[in-house]
Amino acid sequence: MHSRIPRRTALLCTVAAAVFALAGAATSVSAPVAAPPASPIKALSDSLKGLSLPAREAKLLDLAKKEGGTLELYTSLSSLITRNLLPAFEKAYPGIKVNLYRASSETLTQRILSEVSAGVAGPDVIETNGTEMSFFQNKKNVLVPYRQSPYAAGIPKRYQFDTFTAARLEAFVTAWNTNLVPTGQQPKSYTDLANPRWAGKLSMEPGDVDWFAGLYTHLEQQQLAALKKVTSPAAKKKQLAKVRRNLDIVFERMAKNAQITRAVTPRRQPCSPPGSSPWSSARMRSRSSSSRHGRLP
């Protein structure tokens, strides 16, 4: 493989803008990939400031075509999405060809780090989970800072960072088989999943740790908010330690109740057959709920 680091700065900016337009409000993230220190990416990005959207896109598209007209995109998006996204992008930006590398977020991470270590810049744009992007942000020569696209105006500030912007959000939910869990017997909160009554009746993905960490953080914040307000650092530290001890116990019991499965993220997954696990704790898109499934809020 030959080094492809000093290339396509204009194209990179074009995609940084266009990805947001095509992704809509739909966390995973998109980010341009690191360029060498002498890269003109910042100067180019700054030169676009103040241009109208049509003028901005026209300038970037023209520059991108002059630099070869190809885009290297690394993503962990499902093929169900990319097979529609790529043609839509190429139609919106005629003359630009997208070369796609699609893999799991774990495989994507290893490939990117290997290429960076070898001095080879494979992708122009990375689109993957927020956990991995936060990791890349703290690694040298992976991502490059860039000026936010005007398309990012509709995205909350908390999802915008110096080197990447969230392009889609995911909902973490728990679904249950209503044939096996009668109405009124479903849990009222996630902590109810630690109840011994569910021993051996839960299904849990071991590979996607981001949902686990996200749930832990959510419950930690929720429980801290319910406690009496304290002001001294020592008291706050004591409260936090107590909450975390309790949550550690809850999550340990939850894991003991679970049947660990090597499963992909389910989408519109039908109810389990009678006699199987009535619970599935996994990362699911908010649109994947079914009237035959119950859901926790």
C-alpha atoms as a PDB file:
ATOM      1  CA  MET A   1       0.000   0.000   0.000  1.00  0.00           C
ATOM      2  CA  HIS A   2       1.212   3.444  -0.777  1.00  0.00           C
ATOM      3  CA  SER A   3       0.771   6.471   1.381  1.00  0.00           C
ATOM      4  CA  ARG A   4      -2.282   8.531   0.523  1.00  0.00           C
ATOM      5  CA  ILE A   5      -2.029  11.129   3.276  1.00  0.00           C
ATOM      6  CA  PRO A   6      -1.495  14.368   1.295  1.00  0.00           C
ATOM      7  CA  ARG A   7      -4.677  14.260  -0.783  1.00  0.00           C
ATOM      8  CA  ARG A   8      -8.269  15.353  -1.300  1.00  0.00           C
ATOM      9  CA  THR A   9      -8.623  18.107   1.249  1.00  0.00           C
ATOM     10  CA  ALA A  10     -11.394  19.781  -0.726  1.00  0.00           C
ATOM     11  CA  LEU A  11     -13.246  16.516  -1.182  1.00  0.00           C
ATOM     12  CA  LEU A  12     -12.959  15.856   2.511  1.00  0.00           C
ATOM     13  CA  CYS A  13     -14.703  19.136   3.278  1.00  0.00           C
ATOM     14  CA  THR A  14     -17.418  18.391   0.743  1.00  0.00           C
ATOM     15  CA  VAL A  15     -18.288  15.134   2.419  1.00  0.00           C
ATOM     16  CA  ALA A  16     -18.111  16.609   5.901  1.00  0.00           C
ATOM     17  CA  ALA A  17     -20.956  18.848   4.781  1.00  0.00           C
ATOM     18  CA  ALA A  18     -22.914  16.377   2.709  1.00  0.00           C
ATOM     19  CA  VAL A  19     -23.035  13.534   5.170  1.00  0.00           C
ATOM     20  CA  PHE A  20     -25.122  15.651   7.512  1.00  0.00           C
ATOM     21  CA  ALA A  21     -27.542  16.548   4.739  1.00  0.00           C
ATOM     22  CA  LEU A  22     -28.109  12.945   3.742  1.00  0.00           C
ATOM     23  CA  ALA A  23     -28.166  11.559   7.273  1.00  0.00           C
ATOM     24  CA  GLY A  24     -30.780  14.035   8.442  1.00  0.00           C
ATOM     25  CA  ALA A  25     -31.662  13.943  12.123  1.00  0.00           C
ATOM     26  CA  ALA A  26     -30.924  10.386  12.288  1.00  0.00           C
ATOM     27  CA  THR A  27     -24.952   8.280  18.253  1.00  0.00           C
ATOM     28  CA  SER A  28     -22.737   7.299  15.584  1.00  0.00           C
ATOM     29  CA  VAL A  29     -20.663   9.937  13.972  1.00  0.00           C
ATOM     30  CA  SER A  30     -18.924  11.138  10.851  1.00  0.00           C
ATOM     31  CA  ALA A  31     -15.491  12.688  10.789  1.00  0.00           C
ATOM     32  CA  PRO A  32     -12.773  13.663   8.336  1.00  0.00           C
ATOM     33  CA  VAL A  33      -9.532  11.757   8.749  1.00  0.00           C
ATOM     34  CA  ALA A  34      -6.217  13.211   9.825  1.00  0.00           C
ATOM     35  CA  ALA A  35      -3.975  14.953   7.338  1.00  0.00           C
ATOM     36  CA  PRO A  36      -0.295  15.870   7.790  1.00  0.00           C
ATOM     37  CA  PRO A  37       0.607  19.012   9.774  1.00  0.00           C
ATOM     38  CA  ALA A  38       1.045  21.047   6.587  1.00  0.00           C
ATOM     39  CA  SER A  39      -2.457  20.197   5.340  1.00  0.00           C
ATOM     40  CA  PRO A  40      -4.432  23.179   3.992  1.00  0.00           C
ATOM     41  CA  ILE A  41      -7.659  21.737   5.388  1.00  0.00           C
ATOM     42  CA  LYS A  42      -8.106  24.450   8.030  1.00  0.00           C
ATOM     43  CA  ALA A  43      -7.362  27.258   5.596  1.00  0.00           C
ATOM     44  CA  LEU A  44      -9.779  25.790   3.074  1.00  0.00           C
ATOM     45  CA  SER A  45     -12.457  25.339   5.729  1.00  0.00           C
ATOM     46  CA  ASP A  46     -12.013  28.919   6.921  1.00  0.00           C
ATOM     47  CA  SER A  47     -12.257  30.203   3.344  1.00  0.00           C
ATOM     48  CA  LEU A  48     -15.771  28.804   3.100  1.00  0.00           C
ATOM     49  CA  LYS A  49     -17.042  30.871   6.000  1.00  0.00           C
ATOM     50  CA  GLY A  50     -19.776  33.279   4.969  1.00  0.00           C
ATOM     51  CA  LEU A  51     -20.645  31.536   1.707  1.00  0.00           C
ATOM     52  CA  SER A  52     -24.235  30.569   1.060  1.00  0.00           C
ATOM     53  CA  LEU A  53     -24.910  26.836   1.045  1.00  0.00           C
ATOM     54  CA  PRO A  54     -25.249  26.631  -2.766  1.00  0.00           C
ATOM     55  CA  ALA A  55     -22.036  28.622  -3.287  1.00  0.00           C
ATOM     56  CA  ARG A  56     -20.205  26.596  -0.655  1.00  0.00           C
ATOM     57  CA  GLU A  57     -21.198  23.270  -2.187  1.00  0.00           C
ATOM     58  CA  ALA A  58     -20.448  24.423  -5.726  1.00  0.00           C
ATOM     59  CA  LYS A  59     -16.934  25.508  -4.743  1.00  0.00           C
ATOM     60  CA  LEU A  60     -16.204  22.304  -2.853  1.00  0.00           C
ATOM     61  CA  LEU A  61     -17.605  20.090  -5.589  1.00  0.00           C
ATOM     62  CA  ASP A  62     -15.442  21.793  -8.203  1.00  0.00           C
ATOM     63  CA  LEU A  63     -12.314  21.423  -6.058  1.00  0.00           C
ATOM     64  CA  ALA A  64     -13.157  17.800  -5.264  1.00  0.00           C
ATOM     65  CA  LYS A  65     -13.451  16.911  -8.944  1.00  0.00           C
ATOM     66  CA  LYS A  66     -10.067  18.507  -9.635  1.00  0.00           C
ATOM     67  CA  GLU A  67      -8.508  16.370  -6.889  1.00  0.00           C
ATOM     68  CA  GLY A  68      -9.679  13.106  -8.409  1.00  0.00           C
ATOM     69  CA  GLY A  69     -13.352  12.904  -7.574  1.00  0.00           C
ATOM     70  CA  THR A  70     -13.177   9.867  -5.317  1.00  0.00           C
ATOM     71  CA  LEU A  71     -14.134   9.500  -1.670  1.00  0.00           C
ATOM     72  CA  GLU A  72     -12.864   6.760   0.641  1.00  0.00           C
ATOM     73  CA  LEU A  73     -15.565   6.121   3.259  1.00  0.00           C
ATOM     74  CA  TYR A  74     -15.070   3.759   6.220  1.00  0.00           C
ATOM     75  CA  THR A  75     -18.291   2.966   8.063  1.00  0.00           C
ATOM     76  CA  SER A  76     -19.973   0.515  10.419  1.00  0.00           C
ATOM     77  CA  LEU A  77     -23.406   1.380   9.036  1.00  0.00           C
ATOM     78  CA  SER A  78     -25.603  -1.508   7.951  1.00  0.00           C
ATOM     79  CA  SER A  79     -25.624  -2.382   4.256  1.00  0.00           C
ATOM     80  CA  LEU A  80     -29.379  -1.720   4.409  1.00  0.00           C
ATOM     81  CA  ILE A  81     -28.450   1.942   4.862  1.00  0.00           C
ATOM     82  CA  THR A  82     -25.329   2.262   2.707  1.00  0.00           C
ATOM     83  CA  ARG A  83     -26.976   0.749  -0.342  1.00  0.00           C
ATOM     84  CA  ASN A  84     -29.330   3.733  -0.371  1.00  0.00           C
ATOM     85  CA  LEU A  85     -26.942   6.330   1.040  1.00  0.00           C
ATOM     86  CA  LEU A  86     -24.199   5.937  -1.565  1.00  0.00           C
ATOM     87  CA  PRO A  87     -26.378   6.329  -4.675  1.00  0.00           C
ATOM     88  CA  ALA A  88     -28.114   9.298  -3.051  1.00  0.00           C
ATOM     89  CA  PHE A  89     -24.764  10.947  -2.305  1.00  0.00           C
ATOM     90  CA  GLU A  90     -23.391  10.348  -5.809  1.00  0.00           C
ATOM     91  CA  LYS A  91     -26.611  11.692  -7.314  1.00  0.00           C
ATOM     92  CA  ALA A  92     -26.461  14.814  -5.152  1.00  0.00           C
ATOM     93  CA  TYR A  93     -22.775  15.340  -6.022  1.00  0.00           C
ATOM     94  CA  PRO A  94     -22.296  14.228  -9.647  1.00  0.00           C
ATOM     95  CA  GLY A  95     -18.713  13.443 -10.528  1.00  0.00           C
ATOM     96  CA  ILE A  96     -17.863  12.093  -7.064  1.00  0.00           C
ATOM     97  CA  LYS A  97     -17.364   8.339  -6.691  1.00  0.00           C
ATOM     98  CA  VAL A  98     -17.651   6.763  -3.223  1.00  0.00           C
ATOM     99  CA  ASN A  99     -15.381   3.817  -2.411  1.00  0.00           C
ATOM    100  CA  LEU A 100     -16.907   2.044   0.574  1.00  0.00           C
ATOM    101  CA  TYR A 101     -15.270  -0.094   3.247  1.00  0.00           C
ATOM    102  CA  ARG A 102     -17.896  -1.448   5.641  1.00  0.00           C
ATOM    103  CA  ALA A 103     -17.147  -3.497   8.765  1.00  0.00           C
ATOM    104  CA  SER A 104     -18.034  -3.789  12.445  1.00  0.00           C
ATOM    105  CA  SER A 105     -16.908  -0.906  14.642  1.00  0.00           C
ATOM    106  CA  GLU A 106     -14.273  -3.161  16.247  1.00  0.00           C
ATOM    107  CA  THR A 107     -12.820  -4.267  12.882  1.00  0.00           C
ATOM    108  CA  LEU A 108     -12.977  -0.707  11.597  1.00  0.00           C
ATOM    109  CA  THR A 109     -11.032   0.564  14.603  1.00  0.00           C
ATOM    110  CA  GLN A 110      -8.256  -1.999  14.198  1.00  0.00           C
ATOM    111  CA  ARG A 111      -7.874  -1.276  10.484  1.00  0.00           C
ATOM    112  CA  ILE A 112      -7.733   2.481  10.983  1.00  0.00           C
ATOM    113  CA  LEU A 113      -5.144   2.225  13.759  1.00  0.00           C
ATOM    114  CA  SER A 114      -3.037  -0.151  11.655  1.00  0.00           C
ATOM    115  CA  GLU A 115      -3.115   2.221   8.682  1.00  0.00           C
ATOM    116  CA  VAL A 116      -2.244   5.215  10.843  1.00  0.00           C
ATOM    117  CA  SER A 117       0.663   3.270  12.357  1.00  0.00           C
ATOM    118  CA  ALA A 118       1.891   2.403   8.850  1.00  0.00           C
ATOM    119  CA  GLY A 119       1.579   6.013   7.685  1.00  0.00           C
ATOM    120  CA  VAL A 120      -1.231   5.190   5.263  1.00  0.00           C
ATOM    121  CA  ALA A 121      -4.401   7.279   5.248  1.00  0.00           C
ATOM    122  CA  GLY A 122      -7.036   4.875   3.997  1.00  0.00           C
ATOM    123  CA  PRO A 123     -10.279   6.784   4.583  1.00  0.00           C
ATOM    124  CA  ASP A 124     -11.228  10.359   3.876  1.00  0.00           C
ATOM    125  CA  VAL A 125     -14.225  10.070   6.189  1.00  0.00           C
ATOM    126  CA  ILE A 126     -14.957   7.760   9.123  1.00  0.00           C
ATOM    127  CA  GLU A 127     -18.561   7.048  10.133  1.00  0.00           C
ATOM    128  CA  THR A 128     -18.918   4.824  13.198  1.00  0.00           C
ATOM    129  CA  ASN A 129     -20.016   4.710  16.842  1.00  0.00           C
ATOM    130  CA  GLY A 130     -19.440   7.571  19.258  1.00  0.00           C
ATOM    131  CA  THR A 131     -17.376   5.365  21.581  1.00  0.00           C
ATOM    132  CA  GLU A 132     -14.817   4.711  18.849  1.00  0.00           C
ATOM    133  CA  MET A 133     -14.808   8.328  17.666  1.00  0.00           C
ATOM    134  CA  SER A 134     -14.071   9.564  21.177  1.00  0.00           C
ATOM    135  CA  PHE A 135     -11.198   7.086  21.262  1.00  0.00           C
ATOM    136  CA  PHE A 136      -9.876   8.303  17.891  1.00  0.00           C
ATOM    137  CA  GLN A 137     -10.074  11.905  19.072  1.00  0.00           C
ATOM    138  CA  ASN A 138      -7.463  11.148  21.726  1.00  0.00           C
ATOM    139  CA  LYS A 139      -5.143   9.316  19.315  1.00  0.00           C
ATOM    140  CA  LYS A 140      -2.487  11.176  17.347  1.00  0.00           C
ATOM    141  CA  ASN A 141      -2.839  11.488  13.554  1.00  0.00           C
ATOM    142  CA  VAL A 142      -6.284   9.920  13.282  1.00  0.00           C
ATOM    143  CA  LEU A 143      -8.722  12.846  13.027  1.00  0.00           C
ATOM    144  CA  VAL A 144      -8.196  16.443  11.983  1.00  0.00           C
ATOM    145  CA  PRO A 145     -10.073  19.460  13.427  1.00  0.00           C
ATOM    146  CA  TYR A 146     -12.394  21.168  10.970  1.00  0.00           C
ATOM    147  CA  ARG A 147     -14.892  24.003  10.846  1.00  0.00           C
ATOM    148  CA  GLN A 148     -18.447  22.706  11.282  1.00  0.00           C
ATOM    149  CA  SER A 149     -20.609  22.529   8.189  1.00  0.00           C
ATOM    150  CA  PRO A 150     -23.687  24.780   8.061  1.00  0.00           C
ATOM    151  CA  TYR A 151     -25.652  21.535   7.872  1.00  0.00           C
ATOM    152  CA  ALA A 152     -24.702  20.921  11.486  1.00  0.00           C
ATOM    153  CA  ALA A 153     -26.805  23.885  12.630  1.00  0.00           C
ATOM    154  CA  GLY A 154     -29.738  21.598  13.336  1.00  0.00           C
ATOM    155  CA  ILE A 155     -27.668  19.236  15.492  1.00  0.00           C
ATOM    156  CA  PRO A 156     -27.519  19.974  19.247  1.00  0.00           C
ATOM    157  CA  LYS A 157     -24.196  21.452  20.351  1.00  0.00           C
ATOM    158  CA  ARG A 158     -23.551  18.547  22.709  1.00  0.00           C
ATOM    159  CA  TYR A 159     -23.185  16.300  19.648  1.00  0.00           C
ATOM    160  CA  GLN A 160     -20.638  18.546  17.920  1.00  0.00           C
ATOM    161  CA  PHE A 161     -16.917  18.203  18.593  1.00  0.00           C
ATOM    162  CA  ASP A 162     -13.701  19.607  17.168  1.00  0.00           C
ATOM    163  CA  THR A 163     -12.992  16.535  15.048  1.00  0.00           C
ATOM    164  CA  PHE A 164     -16.379  14.897  14.539  1.00  0.00           C
ATOM    165  CA  THR A 165     -20.123  15.493  14.587  1.00  0.00           C
ATOM    166  CA  ALA A 166     -22.917  13.057  15.418  1.00  0.00           C
ATOM    167  CA  ALA A 167     -24.838  12.121  12.279  1.00  0.00           C
ATOM    168  CA  ARG A 168     -27.360   9.738  13.831  1.00  0.00           C
ATOM    169  CA  LEU A 169     -28.681   8.768  17.234  1.00  0.00           C
ATOM    170  CA  GLU A 170     -29.593   5.331  18.515  1.00  0.00           C
ATOM    171  CA  ALA A 171     -32.032   4.342  21.217  1.00  0.00           C
ATOM    172  CA  PHE A 172     -31.181   1.694  23.801  1.00  0.00           C
ATOM    173  CA  VAL A 173     -34.294  -0.267  24.676  1.00  0.00           C
ATOM    174  CA  THR A 174     -35.339  -3.550  26.239  1.00  0.00           C
ATOM    175  CA  ALA A 175     -37.994  -5.682  24.553  1.00  0.00           C
ATOM    176  CA  TRP A 176     -39.913  -8.615  25.988  1.00  0.00           C
ATOM    177  CA  ASN A 177     -42.034 -11.425  24.628  1.00  0.00           C
ATOM    178  CA  THR A 178     -45.606 -10.619  25.584  1.00  0.00           C
ATOM    179  CA  ASN A 179     -46.509 -14.285  25.118  1.00  0.00           C
ATOM    180  CA  LEU A 180     -44.227 -15.191  28.034  1.00  0.00           C
ATOM    181  CA  VAL A 181     -44.449 -12.078  30.217  1.00  0.00           C
ATOM    182  CA  PRO A 182     -48.069 -11.331  31.184  1.00  0.00           C
ATOM    183  CA  THR A 183     -49.274  -7.760  31.326  1.00  0.00           C
ATOM    184  CA  GLY A 184     -48.455  -6.247  34.702  1.00  0.00           C
ATOM    185  CA  GLN A 185     -45.507  -8.556  35.348  1.00  0.00           C
ATOM    186  CA  GLN A 186     -43.025  -6.682  33.193  1.00  0.00           C
ATOM    187  CA  PRO A 187     -40.318  -4.676  35.012  1.00  0.00           C
ATOM    188  CA  LYS A 188     -40.911  -1.044  35.829  1.00  0.00           C
ATOM    189  CA  SER A 189     -37.263  -0.007  35.412  1.00  0.00           C
ATOM    190  CA  TYR A 190     -33.954  -1.336  34.133  1.00  0.00           C
ATOM    191  CA  THR A 191     -32.850  -2.158  37.664  1.00  0.00           C
ATOM    192  CA  ASP A 192     -35.707  -4.670  37.846  1.00  0.00           C
ATOM    193  CA  LEU A 193     -33.710  -6.812  35.407  1.00  0.00           C
ATOM    194  CA  ALA A 194     -31.489  -7.736  38.364  1.00  0.00           C
ATOM    195  CA  ASN A 195     -34.405  -9.516  40.057  1.00  0.00           C
ATOM    196  CA  PRO A 196     -33.709 -13.277  40.513  1.00  0.00           C
ATOM    197  CA  ARG A 197     -37.056 -14.068  38.855  1.00  0.00           C
ATOM    198  CA  TRP A 198     -35.380 -13.363  35.504  1.00  0.00           C
ATOM    199  CA  ALA A 199     -32.438 -15.741  36.065  1.00  0.00           C
ATOM    200  CA  GLY A 200     -31.653 -17.500  32.798  1.00  0.00           C
ATOM    201  CA  LYS A 201     -34.405 -15.591  31.002  1.00  0.00           C
ATOM    202  CA  LEU A 202     -32.485 -12.580  29.698  1.00  0.00           C
ATOM    203  CA  SER A 203     -30.479 -12.278  26.495  1.00  0.00           C
ATOM    204  CA  MET A 204     -27.563  -9.866  26.347  1.00  0.00           C
ATOM    205  CA  GLU A 205     -24.968  -8.914  23.739  1.00  0.00           C
ATOM    206  CA  PRO A 206     -21.394  -9.073  25.082  1.00  0.00           C
ATOM    207  CA  GLY A 207     -19.805  -7.280  22.117  1.00  0.00           C
ATOM    208  CA  ASP A 208     -21.603  -3.931  22.250  1.00  0.00           C
ATOM    209  CA  VAL A 209     -20.310  -2.427  25.471  1.00  0.00           C
ATOM    210  CA  ASP A 210     -21.497   1.091  24.626  1.00  0.00           C
ATOM    211  CA  TRP A 211     -25.122   0.326  25.549  1.00  0.00           C
ATOM    212  CA  PHE A 212     -23.916  -1.092  28.878  1.00  0.00           C
ATOM    213  CA  ALA A 213     -21.808   1.974  29.652  1.00  0.00           C
ATOM    214  CA  GLY A 214     -24.577   4.301  28.517  1.00  0.00           C
ATOM    215  CA  LEU A 215     -27.134   2.629  30.760  1.00  0.00           C
ATOM    216  CA  TYR A 216     -24.757   2.714  33.737  1.00  0.00           C
ATOM    217  CA  THR A 217     -24.142   6.439  33.255  1.00  0.00           C
ATOM    218  CA  HIS A 218     -27.872   7.130  32.854  1.00  0.00           C
ATOM    219  CA  LEU A 219     -28.776   5.274  36.049  1.00  0.00           C
ATOM    220  CA  GLU A 220     -25.917   6.927  37.928  1.00  0.00           C
ATOM    221  CA  GLN A 221     -27.146  10.395  36.971  1.00  0.00           C
ATOM    222  CA  GLN A 222     -30.740   9.428  37.733  1.00  0.00           C
ATOM    223  CA  GLN A 223     -29.932   8.132  41.212  1.00  0.00           C
ATOM    224  CA  LEU A 224     -27.669  11.060  42.079  1.00  0.00           C
ATOM    225  CA  ALA A 225     -30.436  13.484  41.090  1.00  0.00           C
ATOM    226  CA  ALA A 226     -32.825  11.734  43.480  1.00  0.00           C
ATOM    227  CA  LEU A 227     -30.511  12.158  46.480  1.00  0.00           C
ATOM    228  CA  LYS A 228     -30.426  15.087  48.860  1.00  0.00           C
ATOM    229  CA  LYS A 229     -28.338  17.911  47.458  1.00  0.00           C
ATOM    230  CA  VAL A 230     -24.944  18.314  49.100  1.00  0.00           C
ATOM    231  CA  THR A 231     -22.331  20.987  48.506  1.00  0.00           C
ATOM    232  CA  SER A 232     -19.079  19.817  50.046  1.00  0.00           C
ATOM    233  CA  PRO A 233     -16.704  17.864  47.755  1.00  0.00           C
ATOM    234  CA  ALA A 234     -16.320  15.162  50.406  1.00  0.00           C
ATOM    235  CA  ALA A 235     -20.086  14.629  50.658  1.00  0.00           C
ATOM    236  CA  LYS A 236     -20.470  14.541  46.880  1.00  0.00           C
ATOM    237  CA  LYS A 237     -17.683  11.988  46.610  1.00  0.00           C
ATOM    238  CA  LYS A 238     -19.334   9.850  49.287  1.00  0.00           C
ATOM    239  CA  GLN A 239     -22.694   9.979  47.491  1.00  0.00           C
ATOM    240  CA  LEU A 240     -21.124   9.019  44.182  1.00  0.00           C
ATOM    241  CA  ALA A 241     -19.267   6.091  45.732  1.00  0.00           C
ATOM    242  CA  LYS A 242     -22.475   4.794  47.325  1.00  0.00           C
ATOM    243  CA  VAL A 243     -24.444   5.047  44.081  1.00  0.00           C
ATOM    244  CA  ARG A 244     -21.718   3.247  42.151  1.00  0.00           C
ATOM    245  CA  ARG A 245     -21.506   0.441  44.713  1.00  0.00           C
ATOM    246  CA  ASN A 246     -25.244  -0.099  44.384  1.00  0.00           C
ATOM    247  CA  LEU A 247     -25.102  -0.021  40.584  1.00  0.00           C
ATOM    248  CA  ASP A 248     -22.182  -2.456  40.509  1.00  0.00           C
ATOM    249  CA  ILE A 249     -24.354  -4.928  42.412  1.00  0.00           C
ATOM    250  CA  VAL A 250     -27.319  -4.351  40.092  1.00  0.00           C
ATOM    251  CA  PHE A 251     -25.277  -4.855  36.931  1.00  0.00           C
ATOM    252  CA  GLU A 252     -23.525  -7.916  38.324  1.00  0.00           C
ATOM    253  CA  ARG A 253     -26.895  -9.519  39.091  1.00  0.00           C
ATOM    254  CA  MET A 254     -28.229  -8.482  35.703  1.00  0.00           C
ATOM    255  CA  ALA A 255     -25.289 -10.197  33.995  1.00  0.00           C
ATOM    256  CA  LYS A 256     -25.807 -13.336  36.090  1.00  0.00           C
ATOM    257  CA  ASN A 257     -29.430 -13.454  34.969  1.00  0.00           C
ATOM    258  CA  ALA A 258     -28.468 -13.212  31.308  1.00  0.00           C
ATOM    259  CA  GLN A 259     -27.876 -15.756  28.607  1.00  0.00           C
ATOM    260  CA  ILE A 260     -24.933 -14.214  26.758  1.00  0.00           C
ATOM    261  CA  THR A 261     -25.490 -14.265  23.019  1.00  0.00           C
ATOM    262  CA  ARG A 262     -23.355 -13.335  20.038  1.00  0.00           C
ATOM    263  CA  ALA A 263     -26.026 -11.378  18.246  1.00  0.00           C
ATOM    264  CA  VAL A 264     -26.134  -8.478  15.849  1.00  0.00           C
ATOM    265  CA  THR A 265     -28.226  -5.424  16.561  1.00  0.00           C
ATOM    266  CA  PRO A 266     -31.821  -6.595  16.035  1.00  0.00           C
ATOM    267  CA  ARG A 267     -34.188  -4.705  13.760  1.00  0.00           C
ATOM    268  CA  ARG A 268     -37.886  -5.568  13.788  1.00  0.00           C
ATOM    269  CA  GLN A 269     -37.019  -8.816  15.495  1.00  0.00           C
ATOM    270  CA  PRO A 270     -40.075 -11.083  16.021  1.00  0.00           C
ATOM    271  CA  CYS A 271     -41.037 -12.338  19.460  1.00  0.00           C
ATOM    272  CA  SER A 272     -39.164 -15.359  20.758  1.00  0.00           C
ATOM    273  CA  PRO A 273     -40.992 -18.697  20.483  1.00  0.00           C
ATOM    274  CA  PRO A 274     -42.553 -20.194  23.625  1.00  0.00           C
ATOM    275  CA  GLY A 275     -40.006 -21.713  25.955  1.00  0.00           C
ATOM    276  CA  SER A 276     -37.219 -19.390  24.885  1.00  0.00           C
ATOM    277  CA  SER A 277     -35.798 -16.358  26.634  1.00  0.00           C
ATOM    278  CA  PRO A 278     -38.578 -13.781  27.194  1.00  0.00           C
ATOM    279  CA  TRP A 279     -36.132 -10.885  27.428  1.00  0.00           C
ATOM    280  CA  SER A 280     -33.699  -9.304  25.043  1.00  0.00           C
ATOM    281  CA  SER A 281     -31.473  -6.495  26.281  1.00  0.00           C
ATOM    282  CA  ALA A 282     -29.756  -5.081  23.234  1.00  0.00           C
ATOM    283  CA  ARG A 283     -29.104  -2.013  21.147  1.00  0.00           C
ATOM    284  CA  MET A 284     -32.107  -1.410  18.947  1.00  0.00           C
ATOM    285  CA  ARG A 285     -33.164   1.478  16.757  1.00  0.00           C
ATOM    286  CA  SER A 286     -36.116   3.432  18.050  1.00  0.00           C
ATOM    287  CA  ARG A 287     -38.031   2.548  14.906  1.00  0.00           C
ATOM    288  CA  SER A 288     -37.542  -1.172  15.522  1.00  0.00           C
ATOM    289  CA  SER A 289     -40.289  -1.498  18.103  1.00  0.00           C
ATOM    290  CA  SER A 290     -43.263  -3.676  17.299  1.00  0.00           C
ATOM    291  CA  SER A 291     -46.773  -3.764  18.650  1.00  0.00           C
ATOM    292  CA  ARG A 292     -46.029  -7.296  19.786  1.00  0.00           C
ATOM    293  CA  HIS A 293     -43.153  -6.126  21.960  1.00  0.00           C
ATOM    294  CA  GLY A 294     -43.268  -4.339  25.260  1.00  0.00           C
ATOM    295  CA  ARG A 295     -40.751  -1.552  25.857  1.00  0.00           C
ATOM    296  CA  LEU A 296     -39.281   0.199  28.833  1.00  0.00           C
ATOM    297  CA  PRO A 297     -39.438   4.008  28.685  1.00  0.00           C
END
